[in-house]
Amino acid sequence: VEHAAADPAILIAGVVPVRQPMDVSAAAELRFFLADAGGPDIREITEATTARGYPVVIAERIMVTDRLRTGPPSGAQLQAVVLDPDRPRIAVFTLHSLTGRGWLELAGVAGQLVAGVDFGSSAALAG
């Protein structure tokens, strides 16, 4: 992923099979689990819906290299999980920046892709 105001980042996306279709209640459960088990690097966990109404859970992680977590960020990561309430599958997006420079701009680009997920389309991640 590239943006003029940011260092390049890597975006990996894929559709993953799960045991059963997952709905809004599964999204809430995932968000609570991440909040409890995520560790100190996770800065924010949100729950939303995509433009087509699919539930999505987004976790943002800012990595800091020193033990006291007081230094500048050494990288940033955003993970978004889009749930398909009709079929047993999820779309998983992971955006990773080694430097974190221009992170908000990069996250905005990834957010546009996540918002456009359409499980009804043959190109589920194309949006």
C-alpha atoms as a PDB file:
ATOM      1  CA  VAL A   1       0.000   0.000   0.000  1.00  0.00           C
ATOM      2  CA  GLU A   2       1.396   3.386  -0.922  1.00  0.00           C
ATOM      3  CA  HIS A   3       0.462   6.946  -0.058  1.00  0.00           C
ATOM      4  CA  ALA A   4       2.409  10.105  -0.863  1.00  0.00           C
ATOM      5  CA  ALA A   5       2.581  11.105   2.821  1.00  0.00           C
ATOM      6  CA  ALA A   6       3.663   7.699   4.131  1.00  0.00           C
ATOM      7  CA  ASP A   7       6.333   5.052   3.991  1.00  0.00           C
ATOM      8  CA  PRO A   8       5.189   1.968   2.040  1.00  0.00           C
ATOM      9  CA  ALA A   9       3.306  -0.733   3.917  1.00  0.00           C
ATOM     10  CA  ILE A  10       2.308  -4.320   3.240  1.00  0.00           C
ATOM     11  CA  LEU A  11      -1.350  -5.313   2.984  1.00  0.00           C
ATOM     12  CA  ILE A  12      -2.300  -8.980   3.035  1.00  0.00           C
ATOM     13  CA  ALA A  13      -5.912 -10.031   2.529  1.00  0.00           C
ATOM     14  CA  GLY A  14      -7.712 -13.303   2.120  1.00  0.00           C
ATOM     15  CA  VAL A  15     -10.935 -15.162   2.648  1.00  0.00           C
ATOM     16  CA  VAL A  16     -10.751 -17.819   5.369  1.00  0.00           C
ATOM     17  CA  PRO A  17     -13.276 -20.627   5.972  1.00  0.00           C
ATOM     18  CA  VAL A  18     -14.748 -20.875   9.486  1.00  0.00           C
ATOM     19  CA  ARG A  19     -16.952 -23.511  11.151  1.00  0.00           C
ATOM     20  CA  GLN A  20     -20.215 -21.610  10.890  1.00  0.00           C
ATOM     21  CA  PRO A  21     -21.529 -18.271   9.619  1.00  0.00           C
ATOM     22  CA  MET A  22     -20.656 -15.419  11.969  1.00  0.00           C
ATOM     23  CA  ASP A  23     -22.990 -12.529  12.729  1.00  0.00           C
ATOM     24  CA  VAL A  24     -23.005  -9.314  14.766  1.00  0.00           C
ATOM     25  CA  SER A  25     -22.930 -11.216  18.076  1.00  0.00           C
ATOM     26  CA  ALA A  26     -19.787 -13.060  16.919  1.00  0.00           C
ATOM     27  CA  ALA A  27     -18.210  -9.707  16.046  1.00  0.00           C
ATOM     28  CA  ALA A  28     -18.915  -8.409  19.554  1.00  0.00           C
ATOM     29  CA  GLU A  29     -17.435 -11.580  21.067  1.00  0.00           C
ATOM     30  CA  LEU A  30     -14.303 -11.216  18.923  1.00  0.00           C
ATOM     31  CA  ARG A  31     -13.924  -7.564  19.947  1.00  0.00           C
ATOM     32  CA  PHE A  32     -14.216  -8.438  23.663  1.00  0.00           C
ATOM     33  CA  PHE A  33     -11.722 -11.297  23.271  1.00  0.00           C
ATOM     34  CA  LEU A  34      -9.173  -9.038  21.576  1.00  0.00           C
ATOM     35  CA  ALA A  35      -9.633  -6.362  24.231  1.00  0.00           C
ATOM     36  CA  ASP A  36      -8.920  -8.910  26.984  1.00  0.00           C
ATOM     37  CA  ALA A  37      -6.112 -10.867  25.319  1.00  0.00           C
ATOM     38  CA  GLY A  38      -4.527  -8.324  22.980  1.00  0.00           C
ATOM     39  CA  GLY A  39      -1.694  -7.127  25.157  1.00  0.00           C
ATOM     40  CA  PRO A  40      -0.216  -3.649  25.631  1.00  0.00           C
ATOM     41  CA  ASP A  41       0.543  -3.000  21.946  1.00  0.00           C
ATOM     42  CA  ILE A  42      -3.127  -2.984  20.911  1.00  0.00           C
ATOM     43  CA  ARG A  43      -4.233   0.632  21.075  1.00  0.00           C
ATOM     44  CA  GLU A  44      -7.774   0.436  19.769  1.00  0.00           C
ATOM     45  CA  ILE A  45     -10.377  -2.187  18.924  1.00  0.00           C
ATOM     46  CA  THR A  46     -13.509  -1.109  17.120  1.00  0.00           C
ATOM     47  CA  GLU A  47     -16.574  -2.769  15.705  1.00  0.00           C
ATOM     48  CA  ALA A  48     -18.410  -1.423  12.659  1.00  0.00           C
ATOM     49  CA  THR A  49     -20.197  -2.472   9.501  1.00  0.00           C
ATOM     50  CA  THR A  50     -18.984  -2.284   5.921  1.00  0.00           C
ATOM     51  CA  ALA A  51     -20.761  -0.319   3.198  1.00  0.00           C
ATOM     52  CA  ARG A  52     -22.685  -3.504   2.349  1.00  0.00           C
ATOM     53  CA  GLY A  53     -23.671  -4.172   5.973  1.00  0.00           C
ATOM     54  CA  TYR A  54     -21.171  -6.880   6.952  1.00  0.00           C
ATOM     55  CA  PRO A  55     -19.943  -6.782  10.572  1.00  0.00           C
ATOM     56  CA  VAL A  56     -16.249  -5.945  10.901  1.00  0.00           C
ATOM     57  CA  VAL A  57     -13.852  -5.900  13.856  1.00  0.00           C
ATOM     58  CA  ILE A  58     -10.738  -3.730  13.564  1.00  0.00           C
ATOM     59  CA  ALA A  59      -7.704  -3.914  15.848  1.00  0.00           C
ATOM     60  CA  GLU A  60      -4.873  -1.374  15.690  1.00  0.00           C
ATOM     61  CA  ARG A  61      -1.481  -2.240  17.113  1.00  0.00           C
ATOM     62  CA  ILE A  62       1.381   0.222  17.596  1.00  0.00           C
ATOM     63  CA  MET A  63       4.667  -1.502  18.341  1.00  0.00           C
ATOM     64  CA  VAL A  64       7.278   0.132  20.575  1.00  0.00           C
ATOM     65  CA  THR A  65      10.719  -1.389  20.924  1.00  0.00           C
ATOM     66  CA  ASP A  66      11.713  -0.325  24.427  1.00  0.00           C
ATOM     67  CA  ARG A  67      10.553  -2.202  27.524  1.00  0.00           C
ATOM     68  CA  LEU A  68       8.854   0.792  29.139  1.00  0.00           C
ATOM     69  CA  ARG A  69       6.829   1.545  25.995  1.00  0.00           C
ATOM     70  CA  THR A  70       7.814   5.199  26.099  1.00  0.00           C
ATOM     71  CA  GLY A  71       9.841   5.535  22.909  1.00  0.00           C
ATOM     72  CA  PRO A  72       8.670   6.329  19.407  1.00  0.00           C
ATOM     73  CA  PRO A  73       6.679   3.668  17.545  1.00  0.00           C
ATOM     74  CA  SER A  74       8.725   1.036  15.752  1.00  0.00           C
ATOM     75  CA  GLY A  75       5.858   0.058  13.490  1.00  0.00           C
ATOM     76  CA  ALA A  76       2.118  -0.203  13.207  1.00  0.00           C
ATOM     77  CA  GLN A  77      -0.350  -2.908  12.289  1.00  0.00           C
ATOM     78  CA  LEU A  78      -4.043  -2.906  11.542  1.00  0.00           C
ATOM     79  CA  GLN A  79      -6.104  -6.065  11.349  1.00  0.00           C
ATOM     80  CA  ALA A  80      -9.671  -6.121  10.112  1.00  0.00           C
ATOM     81  CA  VAL A  81     -11.943  -9.154  10.145  1.00  0.00           C
ATOM     82  CA  VAL A  82     -15.083  -8.927   8.014  1.00  0.00           C
ATOM     83  CA  LEU A  83     -17.705 -11.526   8.923  1.00  0.00           C
ATOM     84  CA  ASP A  84     -20.110 -13.139   6.461  1.00  0.00           C
ATOM     85  CA  PRO A  85     -23.394 -13.847   8.305  1.00  0.00           C
ATOM     86  CA  ASP A  86     -24.671 -15.976   5.397  1.00  0.00           C
ATOM     87  CA  ARG A  87     -21.787 -18.388   4.816  1.00  0.00           C
ATOM     88  CA  PRO A  88     -19.013 -19.901   6.953  1.00  0.00           C
ATOM     89  CA  ARG A  89     -16.194 -17.540   5.926  1.00  0.00           C
ATOM     90  CA  ILE A  90     -14.466 -14.333   6.944  1.00  0.00           C
ATOM     91  CA  ALA A  91     -12.266 -11.859   5.109  1.00  0.00           C
ATOM     92  CA  VAL A  92      -9.071 -11.001   6.984  1.00  0.00           C
ATOM     93  CA  PHE A  93      -6.973  -7.908   6.208  1.00  0.00           C
ATOM     94  CA  THR A  94      -3.589  -7.205   7.796  1.00  0.00           C
ATOM     95  CA  LEU A  95      -1.812  -3.916   7.092  1.00  0.00           C
ATOM     96  CA  HIS A  96       1.742  -3.584   8.410  1.00  0.00           C
ATOM     97  CA  SER A  97       4.075  -0.595   8.369  1.00  0.00           C
ATOM     98  CA  LEU A  98       7.649  -0.990   9.558  1.00  0.00           C
ATOM     99  CA  THR A  99       8.003   2.692  10.432  1.00  0.00           C
ATOM    100  CA  GLY A 100       4.494   3.946  11.168  1.00  0.00           C
ATOM    101  CA  ARG A 101       5.185   7.143   9.173  1.00  0.00           C
ATOM    102  CA  GLY A 102       1.932   8.260   7.567  1.00  0.00           C
ATOM    103  CA  TRP A 103      -0.010   5.594   9.425  1.00  0.00           C
ATOM    104  CA  LEU A 104      -3.361   7.384   9.313  1.00  0.00           C
ATOM    105  CA  GLU A 105      -3.110   7.786   5.552  1.00  0.00           C
ATOM    106  CA  LEU A 106      -2.220   4.121   5.055  1.00  0.00           C
ATOM    107  CA  ALA A 107      -5.015   2.989   7.375  1.00  0.00           C
ATOM    108  CA  GLY A 108      -7.435   5.113   5.340  1.00  0.00           C
ATOM    109  CA  VAL A 109      -6.459   3.311   2.141  1.00  0.00           C
ATOM    110  CA  ALA A 110      -6.920  -0.072   3.812  1.00  0.00           C
ATOM    111  CA  GLY A 111     -10.229   1.102   5.286  1.00  0.00           C
ATOM    112  CA  GLN A 112     -11.561   1.818   1.793  1.00  0.00           C
ATOM    113  CA  LEU A 113     -10.771  -1.762   0.769  1.00  0.00           C
ATOM    114  CA  VAL A 114     -12.362  -3.226   3.901  1.00  0.00           C
ATOM    115  CA  ALA A 115     -15.477  -1.081   3.481  1.00  0.00           C
ATOM    116  CA  GLY A 116     -15.916  -2.380  -0.067  1.00  0.00           C
ATOM    117  CA  VAL A 117     -15.922  -6.115   0.719  1.00  0.00           C
ATOM    118  CA  ASP A 118     -18.755  -7.867  -1.133  1.00  0.00           C
ATOM    119  CA  PHE A 119     -19.120 -11.558  -0.308  1.00  0.00           C
ATOM    120  CA  GLY A 120     -21.870 -11.809  -2.925  1.00  0.00           C
ATOM    121  CA  SER A 121     -19.398 -10.978  -5.690  1.00  0.00           C
ATOM    122  CA  SER A 122     -17.007 -13.467  -7.267  1.00  0.00           C
ATOM    123  CA  ALA A 123     -14.266 -10.955  -6.450  1.00  0.00           C
ATOM    124  CA  ALA A 124     -15.006 -10.831  -2.707  1.00  0.00           C
ATOM    125  CA  LEU A 125     -12.029  -8.630  -1.837  1.00  0.00           C
ATOM    126  CA  ALA A 126     -12.106  -6.353  -4.848  1.00  0.00           C
ATOM    127  CA  GLY A 127     -14.983  -4.265  -3.507  1.00  0.00           C
END
